[in-house]
Structure formats: C-alpha cells, structure tokens
N, C-alpha and C. Protein backbone atom coordinates (compact mmCIF):
# COMPACT_ATOMS: atom_id res chain seq x y z
N UNK A 1 0.82 -1.20 0.00
CA UNK A 1 0.00 0.00 0.00
C UNK A 1 0.86 1.27 0.00
N UNK A 2 1.93 1.25 0.79
CA UNK A 2 2.79 2.43 0.88
C UNK A 2 3.41 2.76 -0.47
N UNK A 3 3.80 1.74 -1.23
CA UNK A 3 4.39 1.98 -2.54
C UNK A 3 3.39 2.66 -3.47
N UNK A 4 2.14 2.22 -3.43
CA UNK A 4 1.10 2.83 -4.25
C UNK A 4 0.90 4.30 -3.87
N UNK A 5 0.87 4.58 -2.59
CA UNK A 5 0.72 5.97 -2.12
C UNK A 5 1.91 6.81 -2.56
N UNK A 6 3.11 6.25 -2.49
CA UNK A 6 4.31 6.98 -2.94
C UNK A 6 4.23 7.27 -4.44
N UNK A 7 3.82 6.30 -5.21
CA UNK A 7 3.69 6.49 -6.66
C UNK A 7 2.65 7.56 -6.96
N UNK A 8 1.55 7.53 -6.23
CA UNK A 8 0.51 8.56 -6.42
C UNK A 8 1.07 9.96 -6.14
N UNK A 9 1.87 10.10 -5.10
CA UNK A 9 2.48 11.39 -4.79
C UNK A 9 3.41 11.87 -5.88
N UNK A 10 4.24 10.95 -6.39
CA UNK A 10 5.17 11.31 -7.47
C UNK A 10 4.43 11.66 -8.76
N UNK A 11 3.41 10.90 -9.08
CA UNK A 11 2.63 11.19 -10.29
C UNK A 11 1.91 12.53 -10.14
N UNK A 12 1.35 12.79 -8.97
CA UNK A 12 0.71 14.08 -8.72
C UNK A 12 1.68 15.24 -8.88
N UNK A 13 2.88 15.08 -8.36
CA UNK A 13 3.90 16.13 -8.51
C UNK A 13 4.25 16.34 -9.97
N UNK A 14 4.40 15.24 -10.70
CA UNK A 14 4.69 15.33 -12.13
C UNK A 14 3.57 16.06 -12.88
N UNK A 15 2.31 15.73 -12.56
CA UNK A 15 1.18 16.38 -13.23
C UNK A 15 1.18 17.88 -12.99
N UNK A 16 1.45 18.30 -11.77
CA UNK A 16 1.45 19.74 -11.47
C UNK A 16 2.61 20.44 -12.19
N UNK A 17 3.77 19.81 -12.21
CA UNK A 17 4.90 20.41 -12.94
C UNK A 17 4.63 20.44 -14.44
N UNK A 18 4.03 19.38 -14.97
CA UNK A 18 3.68 19.35 -16.39
C UNK A 18 2.67 20.45 -16.71
N UNK A 19 1.69 20.61 -15.84
CA UNK A 19 0.69 21.66 -16.03
C UNK A 19 1.35 23.04 -16.08
N UNK A 20 2.26 23.27 -15.16
CA UNK A 20 2.96 24.56 -15.15
C UNK A 20 3.77 24.75 -16.43
N UNK A 21 4.46 23.71 -16.85
CA UNK A 21 5.22 23.79 -18.09
C UNK A 21 4.34 24.07 -19.30
N UNK A 22 3.17 23.45 -19.33
CA UNK A 22 2.25 23.68 -20.45
C UNK A 22 1.72 25.10 -20.48
N UNK A 23 1.51 25.70 -19.30
CA UNK A 23 1.02 27.08 -19.28
C UNK A 23 2.07 28.05 -19.82
N UNK A 24 3.32 27.66 -19.79
CA UNK A 24 4.38 28.52 -20.31
C UNK A 24 4.54 28.41 -21.82
N UNK A 25 3.89 27.42 -22.42
CA UNK A 25 4.00 27.19 -23.86
C UNK A 25 3.28 28.29 -24.62
N UNK A 26 3.95 28.82 -25.62
CA UNK A 26 3.37 29.89 -26.44
C UNK A 26 2.81 29.36 -27.76
N UNK A 27 3.07 28.10 -28.07
CA UNK A 27 2.67 27.56 -29.37
C UNK A 27 1.20 27.20 -29.43
N UNK A 28 0.62 26.84 -28.28
CA UNK A 28 -0.75 26.36 -28.26
C UNK A 28 -1.38 26.65 -26.90
N UNK A 29 -2.71 26.74 -26.88
CA UNK A 29 -3.41 26.98 -25.62
C UNK A 29 -3.62 25.65 -24.90
N UNK A 30 -2.96 25.47 -23.78
CA UNK A 30 -3.07 24.25 -22.99
C UNK A 30 -3.87 24.48 -21.71
N UNK A 31 -4.73 25.50 -21.69
CA UNK A 31 -5.43 25.82 -20.45
C UNK A 31 -6.37 24.71 -19.99
N UNK A 32 -7.04 24.04 -20.93
CA UNK A 32 -7.97 22.98 -20.53
C UNK A 32 -7.24 21.78 -19.92
N UNK A 33 -6.23 21.21 -20.62
CA UNK A 33 -5.54 20.08 -19.97
C UNK A 33 -4.82 20.49 -18.69
N UNK A 34 -4.35 21.73 -18.62
CA UNK A 34 -3.66 22.19 -17.41
C UNK A 34 -4.59 22.20 -16.21
N UNK A 35 -5.83 22.57 -16.42
CA UNK A 35 -6.80 22.57 -15.31
C UNK A 35 -6.98 21.16 -14.76
N UNK A 36 -7.13 20.20 -15.66
CA UNK A 36 -7.33 18.82 -15.22
C UNK A 36 -6.07 18.24 -14.59
N UNK A 37 -4.91 18.58 -15.13
CA UNK A 37 -3.66 18.11 -14.53
C UNK A 37 -3.50 18.67 -13.12
N UNK A 38 -3.84 19.95 -12.95
CA UNK A 38 -3.77 20.56 -11.62
C UNK A 38 -4.73 19.89 -10.65
N UNK A 39 -5.94 19.61 -11.11
CA UNK A 39 -6.94 18.99 -10.24
C UNK A 39 -6.49 17.60 -9.80
N UNK A 40 -6.12 16.77 -10.76
CA UNK A 40 -5.73 15.39 -10.45
C UNK A 40 -4.42 15.37 -9.67
N UNK A 41 -3.46 16.19 -10.09
CA UNK A 41 -2.18 16.25 -9.39
C UNK A 41 -2.34 16.67 -7.94
N UNK A 42 -3.15 17.70 -7.70
CA UNK A 42 -3.38 18.15 -6.33
C UNK A 42 -4.06 17.08 -5.48
N UNK A 43 -5.00 16.36 -6.08
CA UNK A 43 -5.69 15.30 -5.33
C UNK A 43 -4.73 14.15 -5.00
N UNK A 44 -3.89 13.78 -5.96
CA UNK A 44 -2.95 12.69 -5.70
C UNK A 44 -1.95 13.05 -4.61
N UNK A 45 -1.45 14.27 -4.66
CA UNK A 45 -0.52 14.70 -3.62
C UNK A 45 -1.23 14.81 -2.27
N UNK A 46 -2.48 15.28 -2.28
CA UNK A 46 -3.24 15.38 -1.03
C UNK A 46 -3.43 14.00 -0.40
N UNK A 47 -3.71 12.99 -1.21
CA UNK A 47 -3.85 11.63 -0.69
C UNK A 47 -2.54 11.16 -0.07
N UNK A 48 -1.45 11.44 -0.76
CA UNK A 48 -0.13 11.07 -0.26
C UNK A 48 0.15 11.76 1.08
N UNK A 49 -0.14 13.05 1.16
CA UNK A 49 0.10 13.80 2.40
C UNK A 49 -0.78 13.31 3.54
N UNK A 50 -2.02 13.00 3.24
CA UNK A 50 -2.92 12.50 4.26
C UNK A 50 -2.42 11.16 4.81
N UNK A 51 -1.95 10.30 3.92
CA UNK A 51 -1.43 9.00 4.33
C UNK A 51 -0.26 9.16 5.31
N UNK A 52 0.60 10.12 5.02
CA UNK A 52 1.78 10.35 5.86
C UNK A 52 1.51 11.36 6.98
N UNK A 53 0.25 11.75 7.14
CA UNK A 53 -0.17 12.67 8.20
C UNK A 53 0.55 14.02 8.11
N UNK A 54 0.80 14.46 6.89
CA UNK A 54 1.40 15.77 6.65
C UNK A 54 0.25 16.74 6.36
N UNK A 55 -0.32 17.28 7.41
CA UNK A 55 -1.56 18.05 7.30
C UNK A 55 -1.40 19.38 6.55
N UNK A 56 -0.38 20.21 6.80
CA UNK A 56 -0.28 21.47 6.05
C UNK A 56 -0.21 21.27 4.53
N UNK A 57 0.65 20.39 3.99
CA UNK A 57 0.62 20.21 2.53
C UNK A 57 -0.65 19.52 2.05
N UNK A 58 -1.28 18.72 2.91
CA UNK A 58 -2.57 18.12 2.55
C UNK A 58 -3.60 19.21 2.29
N UNK A 59 -3.69 20.15 3.24
CA UNK A 59 -4.67 21.24 3.11
C UNK A 59 -4.34 22.09 1.88
N UNK A 60 -3.06 22.40 1.66
CA UNK A 60 -2.65 23.20 0.51
C UNK A 60 -3.07 22.53 -0.80
N UNK A 61 -2.81 21.24 -0.92
CA UNK A 61 -3.14 20.54 -2.16
C UNK A 61 -4.64 20.31 -2.30
N UNK A 62 -5.34 20.18 -1.21
CA UNK A 62 -6.79 20.08 -1.28
C UNK A 62 -7.37 21.40 -1.81
N UNK A 63 -6.88 22.52 -1.30
CA UNK A 63 -7.32 23.83 -1.79
C UNK A 63 -6.93 24.00 -3.26
N UNK A 64 -5.74 23.57 -3.62
CA UNK A 64 -5.27 23.62 -5.01
C UNK A 64 -6.25 22.88 -5.93
N UNK A 65 -6.69 21.70 -5.50
CA UNK A 65 -7.63 20.90 -6.28
C UNK A 65 -9.00 21.56 -6.36
N UNK A 66 -9.44 22.16 -5.27
CA UNK A 66 -10.73 22.85 -5.28
C UNK A 66 -10.70 24.04 -6.24
N UNK A 67 -9.61 24.78 -6.24
CA UNK A 67 -9.46 25.90 -7.17
C UNK A 67 -9.52 25.39 -8.61
N UNK A 68 -8.86 24.27 -8.89
CA UNK A 68 -8.89 23.70 -10.24
C UNK A 68 -10.31 23.27 -10.62
N UNK A 69 -11.02 22.65 -9.67
CA UNK A 69 -12.40 22.23 -9.93
C UNK A 69 -13.28 23.44 -10.24
N UNK A 70 -13.13 24.51 -9.46
CA UNK A 70 -13.91 25.73 -9.71
C UNK A 70 -13.56 26.33 -11.07
N UNK A 71 -12.29 26.28 -11.44
CA UNK A 71 -11.86 26.79 -12.74
C UNK A 71 -12.48 25.98 -13.87
N UNK A 72 -12.51 24.66 -13.72
CA UNK A 72 -13.13 23.79 -14.73
C UNK A 72 -14.62 24.09 -14.83
N UNK A 73 -15.27 24.24 -13.68
CA UNK A 73 -16.71 24.54 -13.66
C UNK A 73 -17.00 25.86 -14.36
N UNK A 74 -16.23 26.89 -14.04
CA UNK A 74 -16.44 28.20 -14.65
C UNK A 74 -16.19 28.16 -16.15
N UNK A 75 -15.17 27.44 -16.58
CA UNK A 75 -14.87 27.35 -18.01
C UNK A 75 -15.99 26.62 -18.75
N UNK A 76 -16.51 25.56 -18.16
CA UNK A 76 -17.62 24.83 -18.79
C UNK A 76 -18.87 25.70 -18.85
N UNK A 77 -19.15 26.41 -17.78
CA UNK A 77 -20.31 27.28 -17.74
C UNK A 77 -20.18 28.37 -18.82
N UNK A 78 -18.99 28.94 -18.94
CA UNK A 78 -18.74 29.96 -19.96
C UNK A 78 -18.91 29.37 -21.36
N UNK A 79 -18.39 28.16 -21.56
CA UNK A 79 -18.51 27.50 -22.87
C UNK A 79 -19.97 27.26 -23.22
N UNK A 80 -20.76 26.80 -22.26
CA UNK A 80 -22.18 26.53 -22.51
C UNK A 80 -22.91 27.82 -22.85
N UNK A 81 -22.58 28.90 -22.16
CA UNK A 81 -23.27 30.18 -22.39
C UNK A 81 -22.86 30.87 -23.68
N UNK A 82 -21.57 30.74 -24.06
CA UNK A 82 -21.07 31.49 -25.23
C UNK A 82 -20.66 30.62 -26.39
N UNK A 83 -20.40 29.35 -26.12
CA UNK A 83 -19.91 28.47 -27.17
C UNK A 83 -18.42 28.63 -27.42
N UNK A 84 -17.74 29.41 -26.56
CA UNK A 84 -16.31 29.64 -26.69
C UNK A 84 -15.61 29.18 -25.43
N UNK A 85 -14.33 28.82 -25.58
CA UNK A 85 -13.54 28.40 -24.41
C UNK A 85 -13.12 29.55 -23.60
C-alpha cells in the first residue's frame, strides 16, 4: 500500500509540474488540460500527504484541487453560455 501511495504522490507532482510547463508554452493553448492536470495532481498529492499525516501540505493541495475544480466549472459554464472556451 505504501508503494502505491508513494507512486501517487510522485505522479501528482509530475502532473502539477507538467501543467505549469504547459502554461508557459506559447505555441498552443493548454489551459484545458492544465486545469485537469492541476486537479488530479493536487488530489494525488493530497492523498499522499494524508497517508503520511502531513496536514499542512494536505490542506494546501486540497485547496489547489478545489481551485482547479472551480476553474473547470467556470470554463464549462462559460462554454455553454457562449460556445467559446
């Protein structure tokens, strides 16, 4: 079980770094995949932190994931209302 939790933490960290890297790209708009990478990455790291009883980073990553979820919700709502991303 511990190995799975460790892998989840590493994958979550990779997703957040990948998301950040994609936002720096000027060739294409990666805002949609970046939102999902942030959401999943934050959740995976939060699970890892909770397992290891690291409460401050758990709370930080939980908030990070909530912000990503709200961003996804707002983008979908905007798309439905305007037909644009």
